[in-house]
Amino acid sequence: MTKWMTKWQGIDDWTRALLVRLREDSGQALAEYGLILAFVFIACVIALGALGLILSDQLGLVTDGFP
């Protein structure tokens, strides 16, 4: 076997391993969990932002009541 053929076989083995890896669905669940986590994070940021504005207005009313 020549040096070139050995390199070609290594590339062929690597390509086959990559194709097998791409056919697997094991990473799909991780991606879905990541998307769910991102949506929950965005919902929390929006809810806390709205809650913060409401609390700020209420604290402003309380401080205005003091002389």
PDB file of N, CA and C in Angstrom:
ATOM      1  N   MET A   1       0.838  -1.174   0.000  1.00  0.00           N
ATOM      2  CA  MET A   1       0.000   0.000   0.000  1.00  0.00           C
ATOM      3  C   MET A   1       0.889   1.246   0.000  1.00  0.00           C
ATOM      4  N   THR A   2       0.525   2.172  -0.807  1.00  0.00           N
ATOM      5  CA  THR A   2       1.323   3.391  -0.873  1.00  0.00           C
ATOM      6  C   THR A   2       0.839   4.392   0.175  1.00  0.00           C
ATOM      7  N   LYS A   3       1.637   5.406   0.333  1.00  0.00           N
ATOM      8  CA  LYS A   3       1.314   6.453   1.307  1.00  0.00           C
ATOM      9  C   LYS A   3       0.013   7.164   0.912  1.00  0.00           C
ATOM     10  N   TRP A   4      -0.173   7.356  -0.401  1.00  0.00           N
ATOM     11  CA  TRP A   4      -1.379   8.033  -0.887  1.00  0.00           C
ATOM     12  C   TRP A   4      -2.617   7.199  -0.603  1.00  0.00           C
ATOM     13  N   MET A   5      -2.538   5.899  -0.777  1.00  0.00           N
ATOM     14  CA  MET A   5      -3.680   5.018  -0.543  1.00  0.00           C
ATOM     15  C   MET A   5      -4.034   4.974   0.952  1.00  0.00           C
ATOM     16  N   THR A   6      -3.037   5.036   1.791  1.00  0.00           N
ATOM     17  CA  THR A   6      -3.289   5.044   3.229  1.00  0.00           C
ATOM     18  C   THR A   6      -4.033   6.310   3.633  1.00  0.00           C
ATOM     19  N   LYS A   7      -3.625   7.442   3.073  1.00  0.00           N
ATOM     20  CA  LYS A   7      -4.322   8.702   3.363  1.00  0.00           C
ATOM     21  C   LYS A   7      -5.746   8.647   2.836  1.00  0.00           C
ATOM     22  N   TRP A   8      -5.938   8.082   1.647  1.00  0.00           N
ATOM     23  CA  TRP A   8      -7.274   7.998   1.058  1.00  0.00           C
ATOM     24  C   TRP A   8      -8.183   7.136   1.932  1.00  0.00           C
ATOM     25  N   GLN A   9      -7.662   6.036   2.450  1.00  0.00           N
ATOM     26  CA  GLN A   9      -8.462   5.172   3.312  1.00  0.00           C
ATOM     27  C   GLN A   9      -8.828   5.904   4.605  1.00  0.00           C
ATOM     28  N   GLY A  10      -7.926   6.703   5.125  1.00  0.00           N
ATOM     29  CA  GLY A  10      -8.231   7.488   6.325  1.00  0.00           C
ATOM     30  C   GLY A  10      -9.343   8.480   6.070  1.00  0.00           C
ATOM     31  N   ILE A  11      -9.312   9.125   4.906  1.00  0.00           N
ATOM     32  CA  ILE A  11     -10.366  10.075   4.546  1.00  0.00           C
ATOM     33  C   ILE A  11     -11.684   9.337   4.357  1.00  0.00           C
ATOM     34  N   ASP A  12     -11.629   8.156   3.730  1.00  0.00           N
ATOM     35  CA  ASP A  12     -12.830   7.359   3.514  1.00  0.00           C
ATOM     36  C   ASP A  12     -13.441   6.926   4.846  1.00  0.00           C
ATOM     37  N   ASP A  13     -12.623   6.491   5.776  1.00  0.00           N
ATOM     38  CA  ASP A  13     -13.117   6.091   7.100  1.00  0.00           C
ATOM     39  C   ASP A  13     -13.739   7.275   7.831  1.00  0.00           C
ATOM     40  N   TRP A  14     -13.102   8.416   7.723  1.00  0.00           N
ATOM     41  CA  TRP A  14     -13.607   9.623   8.375  1.00  0.00           C
ATOM     42  C   TRP A  14     -14.948  10.025   7.770  1.00  0.00           C
ATOM     43  N   THR A  15     -15.081   9.939   6.440  1.00  0.00           N
ATOM     44  CA  THR A  15     -16.323  10.293   5.758  1.00  0.00           C
ATOM     45  C   THR A  15     -17.443   9.350   6.165  1.00  0.00           C
ATOM     46  N   ARG A  16     -17.142   8.056   6.234  1.00  0.00           N
ATOM     47  CA  ARG A  16     -18.165   7.087   6.657  1.00  0.00           C
ATOM     48  C   ARG A  16     -18.617   7.360   8.095  1.00  0.00           C
ATOM     49  N   ALA A  17     -17.687   7.653   8.957  1.00  0.00           N
ATOM     50  CA  ALA A  17     -18.034   7.950  10.349  1.00  0.00           C
ATOM     51  C   ALA A  17     -18.896   9.208  10.434  1.00  0.00           C
ATOM     52  N   LEU A  18     -18.589  10.209   9.616  1.00  0.00           N
ATOM     53  CA  LEU A  18     -19.366  11.438   9.607  1.00  0.00           C
ATOM     54  C   LEU A  18     -20.785  11.180   9.124  1.00  0.00           C
ATOM     55  N   LEU A  19     -20.935  10.369   8.080  1.00  0.00           N
ATOM     56  CA  LEU A  19     -22.263  10.058   7.564  1.00  0.00           C
ATOM     57  C   LEU A  19     -23.097   9.286   8.582  1.00  0.00           C
ATOM     58  N   VAL A  20     -22.474   8.363   9.282  1.00  0.00           N
ATOM     59  CA  VAL A  20     -23.185   7.622  10.322  1.00  0.00           C
ATOM     60  C   VAL A  20     -23.630   8.577  11.418  1.00  0.00           C
ATOM     61  N   ARG A  21     -22.771   9.501  11.769  1.00  0.00           N
ATOM     62  CA  ARG A  21     -23.076  10.473  12.836  1.00  0.00           C
ATOM     63  C   ARG A  21     -24.218  11.401  12.422  1.00  0.00           C
ATOM     64  N   LEU A  22     -24.263  11.777  11.139  1.00  0.00           N
ATOM     65  CA  LEU A  22     -25.312  12.679  10.669  1.00  0.00           C
ATOM     66  C   LEU A  22     -26.670  11.990  10.625  1.00  0.00           C
ATOM     67  N   ARG A  23     -26.680  10.688  10.482  1.00  0.00           N
ATOM     68  CA  ARG A  23     -27.943   9.954  10.431  1.00  0.00           C
ATOM     69  C   ARG A  23     -28.555   9.753  11.811  1.00  0.00           C
ATOM     70  N   GLU A  24     -27.788   9.893  12.847  1.00  0.00           N
ATOM     71  CA  GLU A  24     -28.285   9.696  14.205  1.00  0.00           C
ATOM     72  C   GLU A  24     -29.162  10.876  14.623  1.00  0.00           C
ATOM     73  N   ASP A  25     -30.147  10.591  15.462  1.00  0.00           N
ATOM     74  CA  ASP A  25     -31.060  11.625  15.950  1.00  0.00           C
ATOM     75  C   ASP A  25     -30.793  11.996  17.399  1.00  0.00           C
ATOM     76  N   SER A  26     -29.699  11.550  17.956  1.00  0.00           N
ATOM     77  CA  SER A  26     -29.452  11.776  19.379  1.00  0.00           C
ATOM     78  C   SER A  26     -29.256  13.253  19.713  1.00  0.00           C
ATOM     79  N   GLY A  27     -28.748  14.052  18.814  1.00  0.00           N
ATOM     80  CA  GLY A  27     -28.539  15.468  19.084  1.00  0.00           C
ATOM     81  C   GLY A  27     -29.791  16.303  18.931  1.00  0.00           C
ATOM     82  N   GLN A  28     -30.816  15.716  18.325  1.00  0.00           N
ATOM     83  CA  GLN A  28     -32.047  16.454  18.097  1.00  0.00           C
ATOM     84  C   GLN A  28     -32.720  16.824  19.410  1.00  0.00           C
ATOM     85  N   ALA A  29     -32.739  15.926  20.361  1.00  0.00           N
ATOM     86  CA  ALA A  29     -33.378  16.202  21.650  1.00  0.00           C
ATOM     87  C   ALA A  29     -32.656  17.342  22.365  1.00  0.00           C
ATOM     88  N   LEU A  30     -31.354  17.364  22.288  1.00  0.00           N
ATOM     89  CA  LEU A  30     -30.583  18.427  22.929  1.00  0.00           C
ATOM     90  C   LEU A  30     -30.913  19.782  22.305  1.00  0.00           C
ATOM     91  N   ALA A  31     -31.051  19.814  20.991  1.00  0.00           N
ATOM     92  CA  ALA A  31     -31.409  21.063  20.320  1.00  0.00           C
ATOM     93  C   ALA A  31     -32.811  21.516  20.724  1.00  0.00           C
ATOM     94  N   GLU A  32     -33.738  20.573  20.859  1.00  0.00           N
ATOM     95  CA  GLU A  32     -35.090  20.939  21.263  1.00  0.00           C
ATOM     96  C   GLU A  32     -35.104  21.481  22.691  1.00  0.00           C
ATOM     97  N   TYR A  33     -34.345  20.855  23.584  1.00  0.00           N
ATOM     98  CA  TYR A  33     -34.261  21.366  24.952  1.00  0.00           C
ATOM     99  C   TYR A  33     -33.643  22.767  24.970  1.00  0.00           C
ATOM    100  N   GLY A  34     -32.679  22.992  24.117  1.00  0.00           N
ATOM    101  CA  GLY A  34     -32.068  24.317  24.032  1.00  0.00           C
ATOM    102  C   GLY A  34     -33.068  25.368  23.574  1.00  0.00           C
ATOM    103  N   LEU A  35     -33.897  25.026  22.593  1.00  0.00           N
ATOM    104  CA  LEU A  35     -34.913  25.969  22.118  1.00  0.00           C
ATOM    105  C   LEU A  35     -35.960  26.247  23.200  1.00  0.00           C
ATOM    106  N   ILE A  36     -36.387  25.208  23.892  1.00  0.00           N
ATOM    107  CA  ILE A  36     -37.359  25.402  24.976  1.00  0.00           C
ATOM    108  C   ILE A  36     -36.774  26.303  26.053  1.00  0.00           C
ATOM    109  N   LEU A  37     -35.518  26.055  26.410  1.00  0.00           N
ATOM    110  CA  LEU A  37     -34.866  26.877  27.423  1.00  0.00           C
ATOM    111  C   LEU A  37     -34.755  28.332  26.970  1.00  0.00           C
ATOM    112  N   ALA A  38     -34.470  28.546  25.692  1.00  0.00           N
ATOM    113  CA  ALA A  38     -34.373  29.910  25.165  1.00  0.00           C
ATOM    114  C   ALA A  38     -35.731  30.613  25.224  1.00  0.00           C
ATOM    115  N   PHE A  39     -36.804  29.902  24.865  1.00  0.00           N
ATOM    116  CA  PHE A  39     -38.134  30.512  24.915  1.00  0.00           C
ATOM    117  C   PHE A  39     -38.553  30.823  26.349  1.00  0.00           C
ATOM    118  N   VAL A  40     -38.247  29.944  27.276  1.00  0.00           N
ATOM    119  CA  VAL A  40     -38.566  30.192  28.682  1.00  0.00           C
ATOM    120  C   VAL A  40     -37.784  31.405  29.185  1.00  0.00           C
ATOM    121  N   PHE A  41     -36.523  31.508  28.805  1.00  0.00           N
ATOM    122  CA  PHE A  41     -35.700  32.647  29.212  1.00  0.00           C
ATOM    123  C   PHE A  41     -36.279  33.953  28.674  1.00  0.00           C
ATOM    124  N   ILE A  42     -36.674  33.963  27.407  1.00  0.00           N
ATOM    125  CA  ILE A  42     -37.242  35.173  26.803  1.00  0.00           C
ATOM    126  C   ILE A  42     -38.543  35.551  27.501  1.00  0.00           C
ATOM    127  N   ALA A  43     -39.384  34.555  27.813  1.00  0.00           N
ATOM    128  CA  ALA A  43     -40.650  34.828  28.510  1.00  0.00           C
ATOM    129  C   ALA A  43     -40.387  35.413  29.895  1.00  0.00           C
ATOM    130  N   CYS A  44     -39.388  34.892  30.588  1.00  0.00           N
ATOM    131  CA  CYS A  44     -39.046  35.415  31.918  1.00  0.00           C
ATOM    132  C   CYS A  44     -38.531  36.845  31.844  1.00  0.00           C
ATOM    133  N   VAL A  45     -37.716  37.134  30.867  1.00  0.00           N
ATOM    134  CA  VAL A  45     -37.191  38.494  30.715  1.00  0.00           C
ATOM    135  C   VAL A  45     -38.321  39.471  30.431  1.00  0.00           C
ATOM    136  N   ILE A  46     -39.247  39.086  29.562  1.00  0.00           N
ATOM    137  CA  ILE A  46     -40.375  39.961  29.242  1.00  0.00           C
ATOM    138  C   ILE A  46     -41.264  40.154  30.472  1.00  0.00           C
ATOM    139  N   ALA A  47     -41.562  39.052  31.189  1.00  0.00           N
ATOM    140  CA  ALA A  47     -42.424  39.149  32.373  1.00  0.00           C
ATOM    141  C   ALA A  47     -41.767  39.990  33.462  1.00  0.00           C
ATOM    142  N   LEU A  48     -40.490  39.772  33.716  1.00  0.00           N
ATOM    143  CA  LEU A  48     -39.809  40.559  34.752  1.00  0.00           C
ATOM    144  C   LEU A  48     -39.663  42.018  34.347  1.00  0.00           C
ATOM    145  N   GLY A  49     -39.501  42.270  33.054  1.00  0.00           N
ATOM    146  CA  GLY A  49     -39.444  43.656  32.592  1.00  0.00           C
ATOM    147  C   GLY A  49     -40.758  44.377  32.834  1.00  0.00           C
ATOM    148  N   ALA A  50     -41.873  43.723  32.516  1.00  0.00           N
ATOM    149  CA  ALA A  50     -43.188  44.323  32.742  1.00  0.00           C
ATOM    150  C   ALA A  50     -43.446  44.491  34.239  1.00  0.00           C
ATOM    151  N   LEU A  51     -43.098  43.477  35.011  1.00  0.00           N
ATOM    152  CA  LEU A  51     -43.280  43.549  36.457  1.00  0.00           C
ATOM    153  C   LEU A  51     -42.426  44.664  37.059  1.00  0.00           C
ATOM    154  N   GLY A  52     -41.234  44.833  36.552  1.00  0.00           N
ATOM    155  CA  GLY A  52     -40.356  45.895  37.039  1.00  0.00           C
ATOM    156  C   GLY A  52     -40.931  47.276  36.780  1.00  0.00           C
ATOM    157  N   LEU A  53     -41.543  47.463  35.612  1.00  0.00           N
ATOM    158  CA  LEU A  53     -42.163  48.757  35.309  1.00  0.00           C
ATOM    159  C   LEU A  53     -43.353  49.028  36.224  1.00  0.00           C
ATOM    160  N   ILE A  54     -44.155  48.007  36.475  1.00  0.00           N
ATOM    161  CA  ILE A  54     -45.309  48.170  37.364  1.00  0.00           C
ATOM    162  C   ILE A  54     -44.847  48.498  38.779  1.00  0.00           C
ATOM    163  N   LEU A  55     -43.847  47.776  39.271  1.00  0.00           N
ATOM    164  CA  LEU A  55     -43.337  48.043  40.616  1.00  0.00           C
ATOM    165  C   LEU A  55     -42.708  49.425  40.717  1.00  0.00           C
ATOM    166  N   SER A  56     -42.041  49.844  39.667  1.00  0.00           N
ATOM    167  CA  SER A  56     -41.438  51.171  39.670  1.00  0.00           C
ATOM    168  C   SER A  56     -42.507  52.256  39.769  1.00  0.00           C
ATOM    169  N   ASP A  57     -43.595  52.080  39.029  1.00  0.00           N
ATOM    170  CA  ASP A  57     -44.691  53.045  39.111  1.00  0.00           C
ATOM    171  C   ASP A  57     -45.312  53.065  40.506  1.00  0.00           C
ATOM    172  N   GLN A  58     -45.497  51.879  41.092  1.00  0.00           N
ATOM    173  CA  GLN A  58     -46.089  51.807  42.434  1.00  0.00           C
ATOM    174  C   GLN A  58     -45.167  52.439  43.470  1.00  0.00           C
ATOM    175  N   LEU A  59     -43.879  52.194  43.379  1.00  0.00           N
ATOM    176  CA  LEU A  59     -42.933  52.814  44.318  1.00  0.00           C
ATOM    177  C   LEU A  59     -42.880  54.321  44.132  1.00  0.00           C
ATOM    178  N   GLY A  60     -43.065  54.781  42.925  1.00  0.00           N
ATOM    179  CA  GLY A  60     -43.126  56.217  42.666  1.00  0.00           C
ATOM    180  C   GLY A  60     -44.334  56.853  43.335  1.00  0.00           C
ATOM    181  N   LEU A  61     -45.466  56.138  43.303  1.00  0.00           N
ATOM    182  CA  LEU A  61     -46.672  56.648  43.982  1.00  0.00           C
ATOM    183  C   LEU A  61     -46.475  56.683  45.499  1.00  0.00           C
ATOM    184  N   VAL A  62     -45.796  55.675  46.032  1.00  0.00           N
ATOM    185  CA  VAL A  62     -45.552  55.643  47.475  1.00  0.00           C
ATOM    186  C   VAL A  62     -44.631  56.781  47.888  1.00  0.00           C
ATOM    187  N   THR A  63     -43.572  56.999  47.152  1.00  0.00           N
ATOM    188  CA  THR A  63     -42.638  58.071  47.509  1.00  0.00           C
ATOM    189  C   THR A  63     -43.249  59.443  47.309  1.00  0.00           C
ATOM    190  N   ASP A  64     -44.177  59.586  46.360  1.00  0.00           N
ATOM    191  CA  ASP A  64     -44.847  60.869  46.192  1.00  0.00           C
ATOM    192  C   ASP A  64     -45.788  61.176  47.358  1.00  0.00           C
ATOM    193  N   GLY A  65     -46.229  60.152  48.059  1.00  0.00           N
ATOM    194  CA  GLY A  65     -47.132  60.342  49.191  1.00  0.00           C
ATOM    195  C   GLY A  65     -46.450  60.873  50.438  1.00  0.00           C
ATOM    196  N   PHE A  66     -45.133  60.787  50.493  1.00  0.00           N
ATOM    197  CA  PHE A  66     -44.400  61.306  51.643  1.00  0.00           C
ATOM    198  C   PHE A  66     -44.086  62.782  51.435  1.00  0.00           C
ATOM    199  N   PRO A  67     -44.151  63.536  52.535  1.00  0.00           N
ATOM    200  CA  PRO A  67     -43.855  64.984  52.404  1.00  0.00           C
ATOM    201  C   PRO A  67     -42.382  65.295  52.257  1.00  0.00           C
TER     202      PRO A  67
END
